[in-house]
Amino acid sequence: MSHCPRCEKLIPPQAVQCPHCQMVLKGHGHPGIPLHQATGEAFLCETCLYHLDDSCNYPQRPYAKTCTLYCNSTDSPEDTPYRLSLQQQVKFWCQRNGALLLLLGLVLVSLAIALFN
C-alpha cells in the first residue's frame, strides 16, 4: 500500500484516484501510467532529464506541475531509462539546428570561393 501525496492516507497501489480526497494518481485514467506531481512551488521540469537534454515537447514545459514522462535527472544512471552519448547529443543538436548549419555552410563555401579566386 502506498500513501496519497495530498492527504497522506493509505491507498491501493492500482488506484487511479485517491478514494479519500479524489486526487488523480495515474495518468490518463490508466492504472499502469504513473502521474508524477510537483510538491510545493517547484516545477518538475527543473529536475527532469528530458528538459535538461532538450527533448521534452510537452506544452506545459518548463512550468509543468504534473507529468507522465518525468525522469529525475538526479537519479543514479542505473535508474534512468537512458543516457545520451556525445554522438547522440551532437546528432540531435544538428537536427534541431539544421537551418543554422546550412547557413554556416553557405558562408564557408562563399569565403572559400572568394579566397581562392
N, C-alpha and C. Protein backbone atom coordinates (compact mmCIF):
# COMPACT_ATOMS: atom_id res chain seq x y z
N MET A 1 0.84 -1.18 0.00
CA MET A 1 0.00 0.00 0.00
C MET A 1 0.88 1.24 0.00
N SER A 2 0.46 2.23 -0.76
CA SER A 2 1.18 3.49 -0.79
C SER A 2 0.33 4.58 -0.16
N HIS A 3 0.93 5.76 -0.05
CA HIS A 3 0.25 6.90 0.57
C HIS A 3 -0.09 7.94 -0.49
N CYS A 4 -1.22 8.59 -0.32
CA CYS A 4 -1.63 9.68 -1.19
C CYS A 4 -0.72 10.88 -0.91
N PRO A 5 -0.19 11.53 -1.95
CA PRO A 5 0.68 12.68 -1.71
C PRO A 5 -0.04 13.88 -1.10
N ARG A 6 -1.35 13.98 -1.28
CA ARG A 6 -2.08 15.12 -0.75
C ARG A 6 -2.58 14.89 0.68
N CYS A 7 -3.32 13.77 0.91
CA CYS A 7 -3.94 13.56 2.22
C CYS A 7 -3.17 12.58 3.09
N GLU A 8 -2.14 11.93 2.54
CA GLU A 8 -1.27 11.00 3.28
C GLU A 8 -1.98 9.75 3.81
N LYS A 9 -3.16 9.43 3.28
CA LYS A 9 -3.87 8.22 3.71
C LYS A 9 -3.46 7.06 2.82
N LEU A 10 -3.61 5.84 3.33
CA LEU A 10 -3.25 4.65 2.57
C LEU A 10 -4.19 4.47 1.38
N ILE A 11 -3.59 4.10 0.24
CA ILE A 11 -4.38 3.86 -0.96
C ILE A 11 -3.89 2.58 -1.62
N PRO A 12 -4.74 1.88 -2.35
CA PRO A 12 -4.30 0.69 -3.08
C PRO A 12 -3.31 1.07 -4.17
N PRO A 13 -2.36 0.19 -4.48
CA PRO A 13 -1.34 0.53 -5.47
C PRO A 13 -1.88 0.79 -6.87
N GLN A 14 -2.98 0.19 -7.26
CA GLN A 14 -3.54 0.37 -8.60
C GLN A 14 -4.64 1.43 -8.66
N ALA A 15 -4.82 2.20 -7.59
CA ALA A 15 -5.88 3.21 -7.55
C ALA A 15 -5.58 4.32 -8.55
N VAL A 16 -6.59 4.69 -9.33
CA VAL A 16 -6.46 5.77 -10.29
C VAL A 16 -6.67 7.11 -9.61
N GLN A 17 -7.55 7.14 -8.61
CA GLN A 17 -7.80 8.33 -7.80
C GLN A 17 -7.76 7.94 -6.34
N CYS A 18 -7.40 8.91 -5.51
CA CYS A 18 -7.42 8.67 -4.07
C CYS A 18 -8.88 8.53 -3.64
N PRO A 19 -9.23 7.47 -2.92
CA PRO A 19 -10.63 7.31 -2.51
C PRO A 19 -11.05 8.33 -1.45
N HIS A 20 -10.11 9.01 -0.83
CA HIS A 20 -10.43 9.96 0.23
C HIS A 20 -10.55 11.39 -0.27
N CYS A 21 -9.54 11.86 -1.01
CA CYS A 21 -9.55 13.27 -1.46
C CYS A 21 -9.78 13.42 -2.96
N GLN A 22 -9.92 12.32 -3.68
CA GLN A 22 -10.20 12.30 -5.13
C GLN A 22 -9.06 12.88 -5.98
N MET A 23 -7.86 12.91 -5.45
CA MET A 23 -6.71 13.38 -6.24
C MET A 23 -6.38 12.34 -7.30
N VAL A 24 -6.13 12.79 -8.53
CA VAL A 24 -5.78 11.89 -9.62
C VAL A 24 -4.35 11.41 -9.40
N LEU A 25 -4.17 10.09 -9.40
CA LEU A 25 -2.87 9.49 -9.12
C LEU A 25 -2.22 8.84 -10.33
N LYS A 26 -2.99 8.51 -11.35
CA LYS A 26 -2.49 7.82 -12.53
C LYS A 26 -2.81 8.64 -13.77
N GLY A 27 -1.90 8.60 -14.75
CA GLY A 27 -2.07 9.38 -15.96
C GLY A 27 -3.13 8.82 -16.89
N HIS A 28 -3.94 9.71 -17.43
CA HIS A 28 -4.98 9.38 -18.42
C HIS A 28 -5.96 8.33 -17.92
N GLY A 29 -6.14 8.21 -16.61
CA GLY A 29 -7.08 7.26 -16.04
C GLY A 29 -6.67 5.81 -16.18
N HIS A 30 -5.42 5.54 -16.44
CA HIS A 30 -4.93 4.18 -16.64
C HIS A 30 -4.04 3.78 -15.47
N PRO A 31 -4.31 2.64 -14.84
CA PRO A 31 -3.53 2.26 -13.65
C PRO A 31 -2.06 1.98 -13.91
N GLY A 32 -1.67 1.80 -15.18
CA GLY A 32 -0.28 1.50 -15.49
C GLY A 32 0.57 2.72 -15.79
N ILE A 33 -0.03 3.92 -15.82
CA ILE A 33 0.71 5.13 -16.15
C ILE A 33 0.82 6.00 -14.90
N PRO A 34 2.02 6.06 -14.30
CA PRO A 34 2.16 6.89 -13.10
C PRO A 34 2.11 8.37 -13.47
N LEU A 35 1.51 9.16 -12.62
CA LEU A 35 1.41 10.60 -12.81
C LEU A 35 2.29 11.27 -11.76
N HIS A 36 3.41 11.82 -12.19
CA HIS A 36 4.33 12.48 -11.27
C HIS A 36 3.82 13.89 -11.01
N GLN A 37 3.87 14.31 -9.76
CA GLN A 37 3.35 15.61 -9.38
C GLN A 37 4.39 16.37 -8.57
N ALA A 38 4.49 17.66 -8.86
CA ALA A 38 5.43 18.51 -8.14
C ALA A 38 4.89 18.81 -6.75
N THR A 39 5.81 19.00 -5.81
CA THR A 39 5.41 19.37 -4.46
C THR A 39 5.81 20.81 -4.22
N GLY A 40 4.96 21.53 -3.55
CA GLY A 40 5.25 22.92 -3.24
C GLY A 40 5.20 23.80 -4.47
N GLU A 41 6.10 24.79 -4.50
CA GLU A 41 6.13 25.75 -5.60
C GLU A 41 7.07 25.33 -6.73
N ALA A 42 7.82 24.26 -6.57
CA ALA A 42 8.79 23.82 -7.58
C ALA A 42 8.08 23.20 -8.77
N PHE A 43 8.72 23.27 -9.93
CA PHE A 43 8.22 22.66 -11.14
C PHE A 43 8.99 21.37 -11.41
N LEU A 44 8.34 20.40 -12.02
CA LEU A 44 9.01 19.14 -12.35
C LEU A 44 10.13 19.32 -13.36
N CYS A 45 9.97 20.27 -14.26
CA CYS A 45 10.95 20.46 -15.34
C CYS A 45 12.34 20.82 -14.81
N GLU A 46 12.40 21.43 -13.64
CA GLU A 46 13.70 21.85 -13.10
C GLU A 46 14.64 20.67 -12.88
N THR A 47 14.09 19.49 -12.61
CA THR A 47 14.93 18.32 -12.34
C THR A 47 14.68 17.18 -13.32
N CYS A 48 14.01 17.46 -14.43
CA CYS A 48 13.67 16.39 -15.39
C CYS A 48 14.78 16.21 -16.42
N LEU A 49 15.13 14.97 -16.67
CA LEU A 49 16.17 14.65 -17.63
C LEU A 49 15.78 15.07 -19.05
N TYR A 50 14.51 14.94 -19.40
CA TYR A 50 14.05 15.31 -20.73
C TYR A 50 14.14 16.82 -20.96
N HIS A 51 13.95 17.60 -19.91
CA HIS A 51 14.08 19.05 -20.02
C HIS A 51 15.55 19.44 -20.18
N LEU A 52 16.42 18.76 -19.44
CA LEU A 52 17.84 19.09 -19.48
C LEU A 52 18.48 18.76 -20.81
N ASP A 53 18.06 17.66 -21.46
CA ASP A 53 18.65 17.34 -22.77
C ASP A 53 17.83 17.92 -23.93
N ASP A 54 16.83 18.74 -23.59
CA ASP A 54 16.02 19.47 -24.56
C ASP A 54 15.24 18.56 -25.50
N SER A 55 14.80 17.41 -25.02
CA SER A 55 13.99 16.51 -25.84
C SER A 55 12.53 16.51 -25.42
N CYS A 56 12.17 17.32 -24.45
CA CYS A 56 10.78 17.40 -23.98
C CYS A 56 9.96 18.27 -24.94
N ASN A 57 8.77 17.79 -25.29
CA ASN A 57 7.91 18.59 -26.16
C ASN A 57 6.53 18.81 -25.54
N TYR A 58 6.44 18.70 -24.25
CA TYR A 58 5.16 18.96 -23.58
C TYR A 58 4.84 20.45 -23.62
N PRO A 59 3.59 20.82 -23.88
CA PRO A 59 3.25 22.25 -23.94
C PRO A 59 3.37 22.94 -22.57
N GLN A 60 3.32 22.19 -21.48
CA GLN A 60 3.43 22.79 -20.15
C GLN A 60 4.87 23.14 -19.79
N ARG A 61 5.81 22.66 -20.55
CA ARG A 61 7.23 22.89 -20.28
C ARG A 61 7.53 24.37 -20.34
N PRO A 62 8.29 24.96 -19.50
CA PRO A 62 9.03 24.47 -18.35
C PRO A 62 8.30 24.65 -17.02
N TYR A 63 6.98 24.80 -17.08
CA TYR A 63 6.21 25.05 -15.85
C TYR A 63 5.26 23.91 -15.50
N ALA A 64 5.64 22.68 -15.81
CA ALA A 64 4.78 21.53 -15.56
C ALA A 64 4.74 21.17 -14.08
N LYS A 65 3.55 21.04 -13.56
CA LYS A 65 3.36 20.58 -12.18
C LYS A 65 3.02 19.10 -12.14
N THR A 66 2.49 18.55 -13.25
CA THR A 66 2.21 17.13 -13.37
C THR A 66 2.76 16.64 -14.70
N CYS A 67 3.23 15.39 -14.72
CA CYS A 67 3.82 14.86 -15.95
C CYS A 67 3.81 13.33 -15.87
N THR A 68 3.53 12.69 -17.00
CA THR A 68 3.55 11.22 -17.04
C THR A 68 4.91 10.68 -17.45
N LEU A 69 5.78 11.51 -18.03
CA LEU A 69 7.08 11.05 -18.51
C LEU A 69 8.25 11.53 -17.67
N TYR A 70 7.98 12.14 -16.54
CA TYR A 70 9.04 12.72 -15.71
C TYR A 70 10.12 11.69 -15.38
N CYS A 71 11.37 12.10 -15.54
CA CYS A 71 12.51 11.26 -15.22
C CYS A 71 13.49 12.13 -14.43
N ASN A 72 13.69 11.81 -13.18
CA ASN A 72 14.53 12.62 -12.30
C ASN A 72 15.98 12.57 -12.76
N SER A 73 16.57 13.73 -13.02
CA SER A 73 17.94 13.79 -13.51
C SER A 73 18.96 13.54 -12.41
N THR A 74 18.55 13.57 -11.16
CA THR A 74 19.49 13.33 -10.06
C THR A 74 19.56 11.86 -9.66
N ASP A 75 18.76 11.01 -10.32
CA ASP A 75 18.83 9.57 -10.05
C ASP A 75 20.15 9.01 -10.54
N SER A 76 20.51 7.86 -10.03
CA SER A 76 21.74 7.21 -10.50
C SER A 76 21.54 6.73 -11.93
N PRO A 77 22.62 6.54 -12.70
CA PRO A 77 22.47 6.12 -14.10
C PRO A 77 21.72 4.81 -14.28
N GLU A 78 21.74 3.93 -13.30
CA GLU A 78 21.02 2.67 -13.42
C GLU A 78 19.51 2.88 -13.35
N ASP A 79 19.07 3.95 -12.67
CA ASP A 79 17.65 4.21 -12.51
C ASP A 79 17.04 4.96 -13.69
N THR A 80 17.85 5.64 -14.48
CA THR A 80 17.32 6.42 -15.58
C THR A 80 17.11 5.52 -16.80
N PRO A 81 16.09 5.82 -17.62
CA PRO A 81 15.80 4.97 -18.75
C PRO A 81 16.86 5.05 -19.85
N TYR A 82 17.57 6.14 -19.94
CA TYR A 82 18.61 6.26 -20.96
C TYR A 82 19.55 7.39 -20.59
N ARG A 83 20.69 7.38 -21.19
CA ARG A 83 21.65 8.48 -21.15
C ARG A 83 22.15 8.66 -22.57
N LEU A 84 22.12 9.89 -23.07
CA LEU A 84 22.57 10.15 -24.43
C LEU A 84 24.09 10.20 -24.48
N SER A 85 24.66 9.56 -25.48
CA SER A 85 26.10 9.65 -25.69
C SER A 85 26.39 11.00 -26.35
N LEU A 86 27.66 11.37 -26.39
CA LEU A 86 28.04 12.64 -27.01
C LEU A 86 27.66 12.65 -28.49
N GLN A 87 27.82 11.52 -29.15
CA GLN A 87 27.46 11.42 -30.56
C GLN A 87 25.96 11.65 -30.76
N GLN A 88 25.12 11.09 -29.89
CA GLN A 88 23.68 11.28 -29.99
C GLN A 88 23.30 12.73 -29.69
N GLN A 89 23.97 13.35 -28.72
CA GLN A 89 23.69 14.75 -28.40
C GLN A 89 24.01 15.65 -29.58
N VAL A 90 25.14 15.39 -30.24
CA VAL A 90 25.52 16.18 -31.41
C VAL A 90 24.52 15.96 -32.54
N LYS A 91 24.11 14.72 -32.74
CA LYS A 91 23.13 14.40 -33.78
C LYS A 91 21.82 15.15 -33.55
N PHE A 92 21.30 15.12 -32.31
CA PHE A 92 20.05 15.82 -32.00
C PHE A 92 20.20 17.33 -32.15
N TRP A 93 21.37 17.86 -31.76
CA TRP A 93 21.60 19.30 -31.90
C TRP A 93 21.59 19.67 -33.37
N CYS A 94 22.23 18.87 -34.21
CA CYS A 94 22.26 19.14 -35.64
C CYS A 94 20.87 19.06 -36.26
N GLN A 95 20.04 18.13 -35.79
CA GLN A 95 18.67 18.02 -36.29
C GLN A 95 17.85 19.25 -35.92
N ARG A 96 18.04 19.75 -34.70
CA ARG A 96 17.28 20.91 -34.25
C ARG A 96 17.76 22.21 -34.91
N ASN A 97 19.04 22.26 -35.32
CA ASN A 97 19.62 23.49 -35.84
C ASN A 97 20.09 23.32 -37.29
N GLY A 98 19.34 22.61 -38.09
CA GLY A 98 19.71 22.34 -39.48
C GLY A 98 19.82 23.61 -40.32
N ALA A 99 18.91 24.56 -40.13
CA ALA A 99 18.95 25.79 -40.91
C ALA A 99 20.21 26.60 -40.60
N LEU A 100 20.58 26.64 -39.35
CA LEU A 100 21.80 27.34 -38.95
C LEU A 100 23.03 26.69 -39.57
N LEU A 101 23.08 25.38 -39.58
CA LEU A 101 24.20 24.67 -40.19
C LEU A 101 24.26 24.90 -41.70
N LEU A 102 23.11 24.93 -42.35
CA LEU A 102 23.07 25.20 -43.79
C LEU A 102 23.58 26.60 -44.09
N LEU A 103 23.15 27.57 -43.31
CA LEU A 103 23.61 28.95 -43.49
C LEU A 103 25.12 29.05 -43.25
N LEU A 104 25.61 28.41 -42.22
CA LEU A 104 27.04 28.41 -41.93
C LEU A 104 27.83 27.75 -43.07
N GLY A 105 27.32 26.67 -43.62
CA GLY A 105 27.97 26.00 -44.75
C GLY A 105 28.04 26.90 -45.97
N LEU A 106 26.96 27.64 -46.26
CA LEU A 106 26.96 28.56 -47.40
C LEU A 106 27.98 29.68 -47.21
N VAL A 107 28.08 30.19 -46.00
CA VAL A 107 29.06 31.23 -45.71
C VAL A 107 30.47 30.69 -45.89
N LEU A 108 30.75 29.50 -45.43
CA LEU A 108 32.08 28.92 -45.57
C LEU A 108 32.44 28.66 -47.04
N VAL A 109 31.49 28.16 -47.81
CA VAL A 109 31.72 27.93 -49.24
C VAL A 109 31.97 29.27 -49.94
N SER A 110 31.19 30.29 -49.61
CA SER A 110 31.38 31.61 -50.22
C SER A 110 32.75 32.17 -49.89
N LEU A 111 33.18 32.04 -48.64
CA LEU A 111 34.51 32.50 -48.24
C LEU A 111 35.60 31.73 -48.96
N ALA A 112 35.45 30.43 -49.10
CA ALA A 112 36.44 29.62 -49.80
C ALA A 112 36.55 30.03 -51.26
N ILE A 113 35.42 30.29 -51.91
CA ILE A 113 35.44 30.73 -53.32
C ILE A 113 36.11 32.10 -53.44
N ALA A 114 35.77 32.99 -52.50
CA ALA A 114 36.32 34.35 -52.55
C ALA A 114 37.84 34.34 -52.29
N LEU A 115 38.32 33.49 -51.44
CA LEU A 115 39.74 33.45 -51.09
C LEU A 115 40.59 32.80 -52.16
N PHE A 116 40.09 31.81 -52.85
CA PHE A 116 40.89 31.04 -53.80
C PHE A 116 40.68 31.46 -55.26
N ASN A 117 39.99 32.56 -55.50
CA ASN A 117 39.83 33.08 -56.86
C ASN A 117 40.58 34.36 -57.00
